[in-house]
Amino acid sequence: MDWKYLFTNFEGRIGRKQWWTGVLVLIVVSILVRVVLGEGGLVQFVIGILMLLAGLALHIKRCHDRGKSGWWCLLLLIPFVNIIWALIDLGILEGQREDNQWGPPAVTA
């Protein structure tokens, strides 16, 4: 798995397995940062911004795999809807099997 592509690139497509792996990595890192560094502070703020961008890259690529624009990630701003939408649309539903405007189908390994 190309970790740099997964967390830093906003173009292309990723499948469900890659998305779930990325989400779990971000959750674990978030917990570790909180345990090791505590809450509040400049370092935690910077790490939080970097994790926000990494999560956004992850979600946008998954939207692309579903044949949707990355703008659909704005649904993440709506409380309660955000979790349900992410779990169902990004985490459960299958991506498009054919090429779309964001590239060929995600490689599942």
PDB file of N, CA and C in Angstrom:
ATOM      1  N   MET A   1       0.850  -1.183   0.000  1.00  0.00           N
ATOM      2  CA  MET A   1       0.000   0.000   0.000  1.00  0.00           C
ATOM      3  C   MET A   1       0.890   1.239   0.000  1.00  0.00           C
ATOM      4  N   ASP A   2       0.538   2.185  -0.826  1.00  0.00           N
ATOM      5  CA  ASP A   2       1.284   3.431  -0.931  1.00  0.00           C
ATOM      6  C   ASP A   2       0.716   4.437   0.076  1.00  0.00           C
ATOM      7  N   TRP A   3       1.341   4.524   1.229  1.00  0.00           N
ATOM      8  CA  TRP A   3       0.835   5.363   2.326  1.00  0.00           C
ATOM      9  C   TRP A   3       0.868   6.840   1.963  1.00  0.00           C
ATOM     10  N   LYS A   4       1.915   7.261   1.258  1.00  0.00           N
ATOM     11  CA  LYS A   4       2.010   8.673   0.870  1.00  0.00           C
ATOM     12  C   LYS A   4       0.836   9.055  -0.028  1.00  0.00           C
ATOM     13  N   TYR A   5       0.564   8.210  -1.032  1.00  0.00           N
ATOM     14  CA  TYR A   5      -0.573   8.473  -1.925  1.00  0.00           C
ATOM     15  C   TYR A   5      -1.882   8.464  -1.149  1.00  0.00           C
ATOM     16  N   LEU A   6      -2.018   7.524  -0.234  1.00  0.00           N
ATOM     17  CA  LEU A   6      -3.261   7.363   0.510  1.00  0.00           C
ATOM     18  C   LEU A   6      -3.613   8.630   1.299  1.00  0.00           C
ATOM     19  N   PHE A   7      -2.613   9.255   1.924  1.00  0.00           N
ATOM     20  CA  PHE A   7      -2.887  10.370   2.832  1.00  0.00           C
ATOM     21  C   PHE A   7      -2.547  11.759   2.291  1.00  0.00           C
ATOM     22  N   THR A   8      -1.897  11.854   1.132  1.00  0.00           N
ATOM     23  CA  THR A   8      -1.476  13.186   0.684  1.00  0.00           C
ATOM     24  C   THR A   8      -2.005  13.582  -0.683  1.00  0.00           C
ATOM     25  N   ASN A   9      -2.560  12.658  -1.441  1.00  0.00           N
ATOM     26  CA  ASN A   9      -2.998  12.964  -2.791  1.00  0.00           C
ATOM     27  C   ASN A   9      -4.523  13.047  -2.834  1.00  0.00           C
ATOM     28  N   PHE A  10      -5.043  14.078  -3.477  1.00  0.00           N
ATOM     29  CA  PHE A  10      -6.487  14.270  -3.563  1.00  0.00           C
ATOM     30  C   PHE A  10      -7.061  13.767  -4.882  1.00  0.00           C
ATOM     31  N   GLU A  11      -6.239  13.164  -5.714  1.00  0.00           N
ATOM     32  CA  GLU A  11      -6.683  12.686  -7.021  1.00  0.00           C
ATOM     33  C   GLU A  11      -6.655  11.170  -7.064  1.00  0.00           C
ATOM     34  N   GLY A  12      -7.493  10.599  -7.917  1.00  0.00           N
ATOM     35  CA  GLY A  12      -7.513   9.159  -8.088  1.00  0.00           C
ATOM     36  C   GLY A  12      -8.619   8.496  -7.292  1.00  0.00           C
ATOM     37  N   ARG A  13      -8.472   7.188  -7.116  1.00  0.00           N
ATOM     38  CA  ARG A  13      -9.517   6.389  -6.480  1.00  0.00           C
ATOM     39  C   ARG A  13      -8.891   5.388  -5.512  1.00  0.00           C
ATOM     40  N   ILE A  14      -9.628   5.077  -4.456  1.00  0.00           N
ATOM     41  CA  ILE A  14      -9.239   3.997  -3.556  1.00  0.00           C
ATOM     42  C   ILE A  14     -10.475   3.156  -3.244  1.00  0.00           C
ATOM     43  N   GLY A  15     -10.256   1.903  -2.957  1.00  0.00           N
ATOM     44  CA  GLY A  15     -11.350   0.994  -2.638  1.00  0.00           C
ATOM     45  C   GLY A  15     -11.703   1.017  -1.159  1.00  0.00           C
ATOM     46  N   ARG A  16     -12.695   0.201  -0.824  1.00  0.00           N
ATOM     47  CA  ARG A  16     -13.167   0.138   0.567  1.00  0.00           C
ATOM     48  C   ARG A  16     -12.075  -0.299   1.533  1.00  0.00           C
ATOM     49  N   LYS A  17     -11.320  -1.317   1.157  1.00  0.00           N
ATOM     50  CA  LYS A  17     -10.276  -1.837   2.055  1.00  0.00           C
ATOM     51  C   LYS A  17      -9.241  -0.756   2.367  1.00  0.00           C
ATOM     52  N   GLN A  18      -8.794  -0.033   1.344  1.00  0.00           N
ATOM     53  CA  GLN A  18      -7.834   1.044   1.566  1.00  0.00           C
ATOM     54  C   GLN A  18      -8.437   2.149   2.422  1.00  0.00           C
ATOM     55  N   TRP A  19      -9.715   2.462   2.191  1.00  0.00           N
ATOM     56  CA  TRP A  19     -10.373   3.506   2.979  1.00  0.00           C
ATOM     57  C   TRP A  19     -10.453   3.111   4.450  1.00  0.00           C
ATOM     58  N   TRP A  20     -10.901   1.891   4.720  1.00  0.00           N
ATOM     59  CA  TRP A  20     -10.999   1.426   6.101  1.00  0.00           C
ATOM     60  C   TRP A  20      -9.628   1.395   6.777  1.00  0.00           C
ATOM     61  N   THR A  21      -8.613   0.957   6.044  1.00  0.00           N
ATOM     62  CA  THR A  21      -7.257   0.948   6.601  1.00  0.00           C
ATOM     63  C   THR A  21      -6.830   2.365   6.959  1.00  0.00           C
ATOM     64  N   GLY A  22      -7.054   3.306   6.062  1.00  0.00           N
ATOM     65  CA  GLY A  22      -6.696   4.702   6.316  1.00  0.00           C
ATOM     66  C   GLY A  22      -7.449   5.290   7.499  1.00  0.00           C
ATOM     67  N   VAL A  23      -8.736   5.003   7.592  1.00  0.00           N
ATOM     68  CA  VAL A  23      -9.543   5.501   8.714  1.00  0.00           C
ATOM     69  C   VAL A  23      -9.014   4.935  10.035  1.00  0.00           C
ATOM     70  N   LEU A  24      -8.718   3.650  10.064  1.00  0.00           N
ATOM     71  CA  LEU A  24      -8.200   3.038  11.292  1.00  0.00           C
ATOM     72  C   LEU A  24      -6.842   3.618  11.679  1.00  0.00           C
ATOM     73  N   VAL A  25      -5.980   3.863  10.699  1.00  0.00           N
ATOM     74  CA  VAL A  25      -4.683   4.479  10.984  1.00  0.00           C
ATOM     75  C   VAL A  25      -4.875   5.869  11.593  1.00  0.00           C
ATOM     76  N   LEU A  26      -5.774   6.662  11.022  1.00  0.00           N
ATOM     77  CA  LEU A  26      -6.016   8.006  11.559  1.00  0.00           C
ATOM     78  C   LEU A  26      -6.584   7.965  12.971  1.00  0.00           C
ATOM     79  N   ILE A  27      -7.451   7.001  13.257  1.00  0.00           N
ATOM     80  CA  ILE A  27      -8.004   6.866  14.606  1.00  0.00           C
ATOM     81  C   ILE A  27      -6.906   6.500  15.601  1.00  0.00           C
ATOM     82  N   VAL A  28      -6.066   5.542  15.241  1.00  0.00           N
ATOM     83  CA  VAL A  28      -4.983   5.116  16.136  1.00  0.00           C
ATOM     84  C   VAL A  28      -4.002   6.265  16.378  1.00  0.00           C
ATOM     85  N   VAL A  29      -3.632   6.974  15.321  1.00  0.00           N
ATOM     86  CA  VAL A  29      -2.718   8.111  15.473  1.00  0.00           C
ATOM     87  C   VAL A  29      -3.343   9.178  16.359  1.00  0.00           C
ATOM     88  N   SER A  30      -4.613   9.442  16.178  1.00  0.00           N
ATOM     89  CA  SER A  30      -5.310  10.429  16.998  1.00  0.00           C
ATOM     90  C   SER A  30      -5.270  10.056  18.479  1.00  0.00           C
ATOM     91  N   ILE A  31      -5.525   8.793  18.772  1.00  0.00           N
ATOM     92  CA  ILE A  31      -5.488   8.320  20.162  1.00  0.00           C
ATOM     93  C   ILE A  31      -4.074   8.434  20.728  1.00  0.00           C
ATOM     94  N   LEU A  32      -3.079   8.015  19.940  1.00  0.00           N
ATOM     95  CA  LEU A  32      -1.688   8.095  20.406  1.00  0.00           C
ATOM     96  C   LEU A  32      -1.252   9.528  20.676  1.00  0.00           C
ATOM     97  N   VAL A  33      -1.626  10.442  19.806  1.00  0.00           N
ATOM     98  CA  VAL A  33      -1.266  11.851  20.003  1.00  0.00           C
ATOM     99  C   VAL A  33      -1.888  12.374  21.294  1.00  0.00           C
ATOM    100  N   ARG A  34      -3.137  12.029  21.516  1.00  0.00           N
ATOM    101  CA  ARG A  34      -3.814  12.499  22.731  1.00  0.00           C
ATOM    102  C   ARG A  34      -3.169  11.912  23.991  1.00  0.00           C
ATOM    103  N   VAL A  35      -2.807  10.631  23.955  1.00  0.00           N
ATOM    104  CA  VAL A  35      -2.208   9.981  25.126  1.00  0.00           C
ATOM    105  C   VAL A  35      -0.801  10.518  25.389  1.00  0.00           C
ATOM    106  N   VAL A  36      -0.007  10.649  24.329  1.00  0.00           N
ATOM    107  CA  VAL A  36       1.383  11.058  24.493  1.00  0.00           C
ATOM    108  C   VAL A  36       1.527  12.554  24.738  1.00  0.00           C
ATOM    109  N   LEU A  37       0.810  13.366  23.994  1.00  0.00           N
ATOM    110  CA  LEU A  37       0.985  14.815  24.065  1.00  0.00           C
ATOM    111  C   LEU A  37      -0.098  15.545  24.857  1.00  0.00           C
ATOM    112  N   GLY A  38      -1.175  14.861  25.161  1.00  0.00           N
ATOM    113  CA  GLY A  38      -2.268  15.503  25.880  1.00  0.00           C
ATOM    114  C   GLY A  38      -3.135  16.327  24.943  1.00  0.00           C
ATOM    115  N   GLU A  39      -3.970  17.163  25.523  1.00  0.00           N
ATOM    116  CA  GLU A  39      -4.869  18.001  24.736  1.00  0.00           C
ATOM    117  C   GLU A  39      -4.396  19.443  24.775  1.00  0.00           C
ATOM    118  N   GLY A  40      -4.645  20.161  23.686  1.00  0.00           N
ATOM    119  CA  GLY A  40      -4.276  21.569  23.615  1.00  0.00           C
ATOM    120  C   GLY A  40      -2.807  21.735  23.273  1.00  0.00           C
ATOM    121  N   GLY A  41      -2.472  22.899  22.783  1.00  0.00           N
ATOM    122  CA  GLY A  41      -1.092  23.193  22.443  1.00  0.00           C
ATOM    123  C   GLY A  41      -0.886  23.304  20.944  1.00  0.00           C
ATOM    124  N   LEU A  42       0.191  23.944  20.577  1.00  0.00           N
ATOM    125  CA  LEU A  42       0.490  24.199  19.177  1.00  0.00           C
ATOM    126  C   LEU A  42       0.815  22.914  18.422  1.00  0.00           C
ATOM    127  N   VAL A  43       1.597  22.029  19.023  1.00  0.00           N
ATOM    128  CA  VAL A  43       1.976  20.783  18.351  1.00  0.00           C
ATOM    129  C   VAL A  43       0.736  19.950  18.050  1.00  0.00           C
ATOM    130  N   GLN A  44      -0.153  19.828  19.010  1.00  0.00           N
ATOM    131  CA  GLN A  44      -1.381  19.068  18.805  1.00  0.00           C
ATOM    132  C   GLN A  44      -2.252  19.717  17.726  1.00  0.00           C
ATOM    133  N   PHE A  45      -2.273  21.037  17.684  1.00  0.00           N
ATOM    134  CA  PHE A  45      -3.045  21.754  16.670  1.00  0.00           C
ATOM    135  C   PHE A  45      -2.513  21.460  15.268  1.00  0.00           C
ATOM    136  N   VAL A  46      -1.201  21.533  15.108  1.00  0.00           N
ATOM    137  CA  VAL A  46      -0.580  21.268  13.809  1.00  0.00           C
ATOM    138  C   VAL A  46      -0.827  19.823  13.382  1.00  0.00           C
ATOM    139  N   ILE A  47      -0.657  18.889  14.309  1.00  0.00           N
ATOM    140  CA  ILE A  47      -0.921  17.481  13.999  1.00  0.00           C
ATOM    141  C   ILE A  47      -2.390  17.293  13.616  1.00  0.00           C
ATOM    142  N   GLY A  48      -3.280  17.975  14.308  1.00  0.00           N
ATOM    143  CA  GLY A  48      -4.703  17.894  13.996  1.00  0.00           C
ATOM    144  C   GLY A  48      -5.023  18.393  12.590  1.00  0.00           C
ATOM    145  N   ILE A  49      -4.405  19.495  12.189  1.00  0.00           N
ATOM    146  CA  ILE A  49      -4.613  20.034  10.837  1.00  0.00           C
ATOM    147  C   ILE A  49      -4.089  19.048   9.796  1.00  0.00           C
ATOM    148  N   LEU A  50      -2.914  18.467  10.044  1.00  0.00           N
ATOM    149  CA  LEU A  50      -2.349  17.490   9.103  1.00  0.00           C
ATOM    150  C   LEU A  50      -3.236  16.249   8.998  1.00  0.00           C
ATOM    151  N   MET A  51      -3.793  15.825  10.113  1.00  0.00           N
ATOM    152  CA  MET A  51      -4.682  14.662  10.096  1.00  0.00           C
ATOM    153  C   MET A  51      -6.000  14.991   9.398  1.00  0.00           C
ATOM    154  N   LEU A  52      -6.477  16.205   9.551  1.00  0.00           N
ATOM    155  CA  LEU A  52      -7.682  16.642   8.846  1.00  0.00           C
ATOM    156  C   LEU A  52      -7.477  16.583   7.330  1.00  0.00           C
ATOM    157  N   LEU A  53      -6.332  17.079   6.874  1.00  0.00           N
ATOM    158  CA  LEU A  53      -6.020  17.038   5.441  1.00  0.00           C
ATOM    159  C   LEU A  53      -5.849  15.605   4.950  1.00  0.00           C
ATOM    160  N   ALA A  54      -5.218  14.753   5.757  1.00  0.00           N
ATOM    161  CA  ALA A  54      -5.041  13.341   5.387  1.00  0.00           C
ATOM    162  C   ALA A  54      -6.400  12.647   5.274  1.00  0.00           C
ATOM    163  N   GLY A  55      -7.284  12.914   6.225  1.00  0.00           N
ATOM    164  CA  GLY A  55      -8.625  12.331   6.178  1.00  0.00           C
ATOM    165  C   GLY A  55      -9.423  12.828   4.986  1.00  0.00           C
ATOM    166  N   LEU A  56      -9.274  14.087   4.682  1.00  0.00           N
ATOM    167  CA  LEU A  56      -9.973  14.654   3.532  1.00  0.00           C
ATOM    168  C   LEU A  56      -9.492  14.005   2.232  1.00  0.00           C
ATOM    169  N   ALA A  57      -8.182  13.826   2.100  1.00  0.00           N
ATOM    170  CA  ALA A  57      -7.633  13.152   0.913  1.00  0.00           C
ATOM    171  C   ALA A  57      -8.201  11.737   0.805  1.00  0.00           C
ATOM    172  N   LEU A  58      -8.282  11.061   1.912  1.00  0.00           N
ATOM    173  CA  LEU A  58      -8.816   9.696   1.955  1.00  0.00           C
ATOM    174  C   LEU A  58     -10.271   9.665   1.501  1.00  0.00           C
ATOM    175  N   HIS A  59     -11.085  10.534   2.058  1.00  0.00           N
ATOM    176  CA  HIS A  59     -12.513  10.557   1.738  1.00  0.00           C
ATOM    177  C   HIS A  59     -12.776  10.991   0.291  1.00  0.00           C
ATOM    178  N   ILE A  60     -12.020  11.961  -0.188  1.00  0.00           N
ATOM    179  CA  ILE A  60     -12.220  12.428  -1.563  1.00  0.00           C
ATOM    180  C   ILE A  60     -11.920  11.316  -2.558  1.00  0.00           C
ATOM    181  N   LYS A  61     -10.827  10.601  -2.353  1.00  0.00           N
ATOM    182  CA  LYS A  61     -10.503   9.501  -3.269  1.00  0.00           C
ATOM    183  C   LYS A  61     -11.554   8.402  -3.218  1.00  0.00           C
ATOM    184  N   ARG A  62     -12.127   8.165  -2.048  1.00  0.00           N
ATOM    185  CA  ARG A  62     -13.189   7.159  -1.944  1.00  0.00           C
ATOM    186  C   ARG A  62     -14.452   7.635  -2.662  1.00  0.00           C
ATOM    187  N   CYS A  63     -14.768   8.925  -2.562  1.00  0.00           N
ATOM    188  CA  CYS A  63     -15.895   9.486  -3.317  1.00  0.00           C
ATOM    189  C   CYS A  63     -15.663   9.291  -4.809  1.00  0.00           C
ATOM    190  N   HIS A  64     -14.449   9.537  -5.261  1.00  0.00           N
ATOM    191  CA  HIS A  64     -14.129   9.349  -6.671  1.00  0.00           C
ATOM    192  C   HIS A  64     -14.376   7.906  -7.090  1.00  0.00           C
ATOM    193  N   ASP A  65     -14.030   6.949  -6.224  1.00  0.00           N
ATOM    194  CA  ASP A  65     -14.255   5.544  -6.551  1.00  0.00           C
ATOM    195  C   ASP A  65     -15.744   5.244  -6.676  1.00  0.00           C
ATOM    196  N   ARG A  66     -16.560   5.964  -5.956  1.00  0.00           N
ATOM    197  CA  ARG A  66     -18.014   5.781  -6.022  1.00  0.00           C
ATOM    198  C   ARG A  66     -18.630   6.559  -7.185  1.00  0.00           C
ATOM    199  N   GLY A  67     -17.797   7.312  -7.931  1.00  0.00           N
ATOM    200  CA  GLY A  67     -18.298   8.073  -9.073  1.00  0.00           C
ATOM    201  C   GLY A  67     -18.837   9.432  -8.693  1.00  0.00           C
ATOM    202  N   LYS A  68     -18.430   9.933  -7.547  1.00  0.00           N
ATOM    203  CA  LYS A  68     -18.937  11.224  -7.060  1.00  0.00           C
ATOM    204  C   LYS A  68     -17.791  12.219  -6.931  1.00  0.00           C
ATOM    205  N   SER A  69     -18.140  13.475  -6.976  1.00  0.00           N
ATOM    206  CA  SER A  69     -17.177  14.542  -6.757  1.00  0.00           C
ATOM    207  C   SER A  69     -16.738  14.557  -5.290  1.00  0.00           C
ATOM    208  N   GLY A  70     -15.537  15.063  -5.074  1.00  0.00           N
ATOM    209  CA  GLY A  70     -15.049  15.215  -3.712  1.00  0.00           C
ATOM    210  C   GLY A  70     -15.871  16.200  -2.887  1.00  0.00           C
ATOM    211  N   TRP A  71     -16.660  17.028  -3.553  1.00  0.00           N
ATOM    212  CA  TRP A  71     -17.514  17.985  -2.845  1.00  0.00           C
ATOM    213  C   TRP A  71     -18.542  17.285  -1.969  1.00  0.00           C
ATOM    214  N   TRP A  72     -18.821  16.016  -2.246  1.00  0.00           N
ATOM    215  CA  TRP A  72     -19.736  15.258  -1.396  1.00  0.00           C
ATOM    216  C   TRP A  72     -19.211  15.173   0.040  1.00  0.00           C
ATOM    217  N   CYS A  73     -17.922  15.385   0.226  1.00  0.00           N
ATOM    218  CA  CYS A  73     -17.340  15.347   1.574  1.00  0.00           C
ATOM    219  C   CYS A  73     -17.870  16.465   2.459  1.00  0.00           C
ATOM    220  N   LEU A  74     -18.532  17.446   1.867  1.00  0.00           N
ATOM    221  CA  LEU A  74     -19.156  18.494   2.680  1.00  0.00           C
ATOM    222  C   LEU A  74     -20.229  17.914   3.610  1.00  0.00           C
ATOM    223  N   LEU A  75     -20.754  16.735   3.262  1.00  0.00           N
ATOM    224  CA  LEU A  75     -21.724  16.068   4.146  1.00  0.00           C
ATOM    225  C   LEU A  75     -21.108  15.744   5.508  1.00  0.00           C
ATOM    226  N   LEU A  76     -19.779  15.682   5.561  1.00  0.00           N
ATOM    227  CA  LEU A  76     -19.102  15.406   6.827  1.00  0.00           C
ATOM    228  C   LEU A  76     -19.279  16.548   7.833  1.00  0.00           C
ATOM    229  N   LEU A  77     -19.719  17.694   7.362  1.00  0.00           N
ATOM    230  CA  LEU A  77     -19.933  18.843   8.245  1.00  0.00           C
ATOM    231  C   LEU A  77     -21.284  18.807   8.953  1.00  0.00           C
ATOM    232  N   ILE A  78     -22.160  17.898   8.547  1.00  0.00           N
ATOM    233  CA  ILE A  78     -23.501  17.816   9.130  1.00  0.00           C
ATOM    234  C   ILE A  78     -23.501  16.752  10.236  1.00  0.00           C
ATOM    235  N   PRO A  79     -23.718  17.173  11.489  1.00  0.00           N
ATOM    236  CA  PRO A  79     -23.719  16.201  12.586  1.00  0.00           C
ATOM    237  C   PRO A  79     -24.715  15.062  12.353  1.00  0.00           C
ATOM    238  N   PHE A  80     -24.366  13.898  12.799  1.00  0.00           N
ATOM    239  CA  PHE A  80     -25.127  12.656  12.705  1.00  0.00           C
ATOM    240  C   PHE A  80     -25.177  12.123  11.280  1.00  0.00           C
ATOM    241  N   VAL A  81     -25.496  12.986  10.322  1.00  0.00           N
ATOM    242  CA  VAL A  81     -25.513  12.570   8.912  1.00  0.00           C
ATOM    243  C   VAL A  81     -24.108  12.127   8.506  1.00  0.00           C
ATOM    244  N   ASN A  82     -23.091  12.817   9.019  1.00  0.00           N
ATOM    245  CA  ASN A  82     -21.717  12.545   8.628  1.00  0.00           C
ATOM    246  C   ASN A  82     -21.314  11.086   8.892  1.00  0.00           C
ATOM    247  N   ILE A  83     -21.626  10.578  10.054  1.00  0.00           N
ATOM    248  CA  ILE A  83     -21.232   9.211  10.407  1.00  0.00           C
ATOM    249  C   ILE A  83     -21.999   8.198   9.568  1.00  0.00           C
ATOM    250  N   ILE A  84     -23.297   8.393   9.444  1.00  0.00           N
ATOM    251  CA  ILE A  84     -24.124   7.451   8.673  1.00  0.00           C
ATOM    252  C   ILE A  84     -23.693   7.450   7.207  1.00  0.00           C
ATOM    253  N   TRP A  85     -23.505   8.644   6.624  1.00  0.00           N
ATOM    254  CA  TRP A  85     -23.091   8.723   5.224  1.00  0.00           C
ATOM    255  C   TRP A  85     -21.731   8.075   5.014  1.00  0.00           C
ATOM    256  N   ALA A  86     -20.770   8.387   5.887  1.00  0.00           N
ATOM    257  CA  ALA A  86     -19.428   7.834   5.724  1.00  0.00           C
ATOM    258  C   ALA A  86     -19.443   6.311   5.833  1.00  0.00           C
ATOM    259  N   LEU A  87     -20.130   5.788   6.822  1.00  0.00           N
ATOM    260  CA  LEU A  87     -20.169   4.331   6.992  1.00  0.00           C
ATOM    261  C   LEU A  87     -20.821   3.630   5.807  1.00  0.00           C
ATOM    262  N   ILE A  88     -21.949   4.150   5.358  1.00  0.00           N
ATOM    263  CA  ILE A  88     -22.682   3.473   4.280  1.00  0.00           C
ATOM    264  C   ILE A  88     -22.051   3.746   2.917  1.00  0.00           C
ATOM    265  N   ASP A  89     -21.929   5.012   2.548  1.00  0.00           N
ATOM    266  CA  ASP A  89     -21.489   5.348   1.194  1.00  0.00           C
ATOM    267  C   ASP A  89     -20.003   5.074   0.983  1.00  0.00           C
ATOM    268  N   LEU A  90     -19.179   5.435   1.942  1.00  0.00           N
ATOM    269  CA  LEU A  90     -17.746   5.265   1.764  1.00  0.00           C
ATOM    270  C   LEU A  90     -17.252   3.903   2.252  1.00  0.00           C
ATOM    271  N   GLY A  91     -17.846   3.405   3.322  1.00  0.00           N
ATOM    272  CA  GLY A  91     -17.330   2.188   3.926  1.00  0.00           C
ATOM    273  C   GLY A  91     -17.956   0.891   3.479  1.00  0.00           C
ATOM    274  N   ILE A  92     -19.204   0.922   3.020  1.00  0.00           N
ATOM    275  CA  ILE A  92     -19.901  -0.323   2.702  1.00  0.00           C
ATOM    276  C   ILE A  92     -20.170  -0.491   1.205  1.00  0.00           C
ATOM    277  N   LEU A  93     -20.687   0.548   0.564  1.00  0.00           N
ATOM    278  CA  LEU A  93     -21.079   0.419  -0.841  1.00  0.00           C
ATOM    279  C   LEU A  93     -19.863   0.269  -1.750  1.00  0.00           C
ATOM    280  N   GLU A  94     -20.027  -0.545  -2.762  1.00  0.00           N
ATOM    281  CA  GLU A  94     -18.955  -0.846  -3.704  1.00  0.00           C
ATOM    282  C   GLU A  94     -18.710   0.331  -4.643  1.00  0.00           C
ATOM    283  N   GLY A  95     -17.473   0.496  -5.062  1.00  0.00           N
ATOM    284  CA  GLY A  95     -17.120   1.528  -6.033  1.00  0.00           C
ATOM    285  C   GLY A  95     -17.513   1.111  -7.436  1.00  0.00           C
ATOM    286  N   GLN A  96     -17.398   2.033  -8.368  1.00  0.00           N
ATOM    287  CA  GLN A  96     -17.710   1.728  -9.762  1.00  0.00           C
ATOM    288  C   GLN A  96     -16.678   0.747 -10.311  1.00  0.00           C
ATOM    289  N   ARG A  97     -17.150  -0.232 -11.042  1.00  0.00           N
ATOM    290  CA  ARG A  97     -16.259  -1.265 -11.584  1.00  0.00           C
ATOM    291  C   ARG A  97     -15.540  -0.815 -12.854  1.00  0.00           C
ATOM    292  N   GLU A  98     -16.066   0.199 -13.519  1.00  0.00           N
ATOM    293  CA  GLU A  98     -15.460   0.667 -14.757  1.00  0.00           C
ATOM    294  C   GLU A  98     -14.692   1.966 -14.515  1.00  0.00           C
ATOM    295  N   ASP A  99     -13.907   2.355 -15.523  1.00  0.00           N
ATOM    296  CA  ASP A  99     -13.200   3.633 -15.454  1.00  0.00           C
ATOM    297  C   ASP A  99     -14.218   4.763 -15.318  1.00  0.00           C
ATOM    298  N   ASN A 100     -13.837   5.808 -14.614  1.00  0.00           N
ATOM    299  CA  ASN A 100     -14.663   7.002 -14.575  1.00  0.00           C
ATOM    300  C   ASN A 100     -13.749   8.217 -14.742  1.00  0.00           C
ATOM    301  N   GLN A 101     -14.257   9.397 -14.559  1.00  0.00           N
ATOM    302  CA  GLN A 101     -13.457  10.598 -14.838  1.00  0.00           C
ATOM    303  C   GLN A 101     -12.276  10.752 -13.892  1.00  0.00           C
ATOM    304  N   TRP A 102     -12.209   9.978 -12.806  1.00  0.00           N
ATOM    305  CA  TRP A 102     -11.105  10.057 -11.863  1.00  0.00           C
ATOM    306  C   TRP A 102     -10.104   8.935 -12.048  1.00  0.00           C
ATOM    307  N   GLY A 103     -10.306   8.094 -13.039  1.00  0.00           N
ATOM    308  CA  GLY A 103      -9.326   7.066 -13.335  1.00  0.00           C
ATOM    309  C   GLY A 103      -9.912   5.668 -13.361  1.00  0.00           C
ATOM    310  N   PRO A 104      -9.022   4.676 -13.466  1.00  0.00           N
ATOM    311  CA  PRO A 104      -9.461   3.288 -13.497  1.00  0.00           C
ATOM    312  C   PRO A 104      -9.889   2.840 -12.104  1.00  0.00           C
ATOM    313  N   PRO A 105     -10.584   1.714 -12.009  1.00  0.00           N
ATOM    314  CA  PRO A 105     -11.015   1.206 -10.706  1.00  0.00           C
ATOM    315  C   PRO A 105      -9.832   1.020  -9.761  1.00  0.00           C
ATOM    316  N   ALA A 106     -10.107   1.169  -8.482  1.00  0.00           N
ATOM    317  CA  ALA A 106      -9.067   0.986  -7.472  1.00  0.00           C
ATOM    318  C   ALA A 106      -8.592  -0.457  -7.491  1.00  0.00           C
ATOM    319  N   VAL A 107      -7.303  -0.638  -7.322  1.00  0.00           N
ATOM    320  CA  VAL A 107      -6.729  -1.982  -7.284  1.00  0.00           C
ATOM    321  C   VAL A 107      -6.939  -2.556  -5.891  1.00  0.00           C
ATOM    322  N   THR A 108      -7.555  -3.711  -5.834  1.00  0.00           N
ATOM    323  CA  THR A 108      -7.763  -4.363  -4.541  1.00  0.00           C
ATOM    324  C   THR A 108      -6.791  -5.516  -4.420  1.00  0.00           C
ATOM    325  N   ALA A 109      -6.003  -5.478  -3.353  1.00  0.00           N
ATOM    326  CA  ALA A 109      -5.011  -6.538  -3.150  1.00  0.00           C
ATOM    327  C   ALA A 109      -5.183  -7.175  -1.806  1.00  0.00           C
TER     328      ALA A 109
END
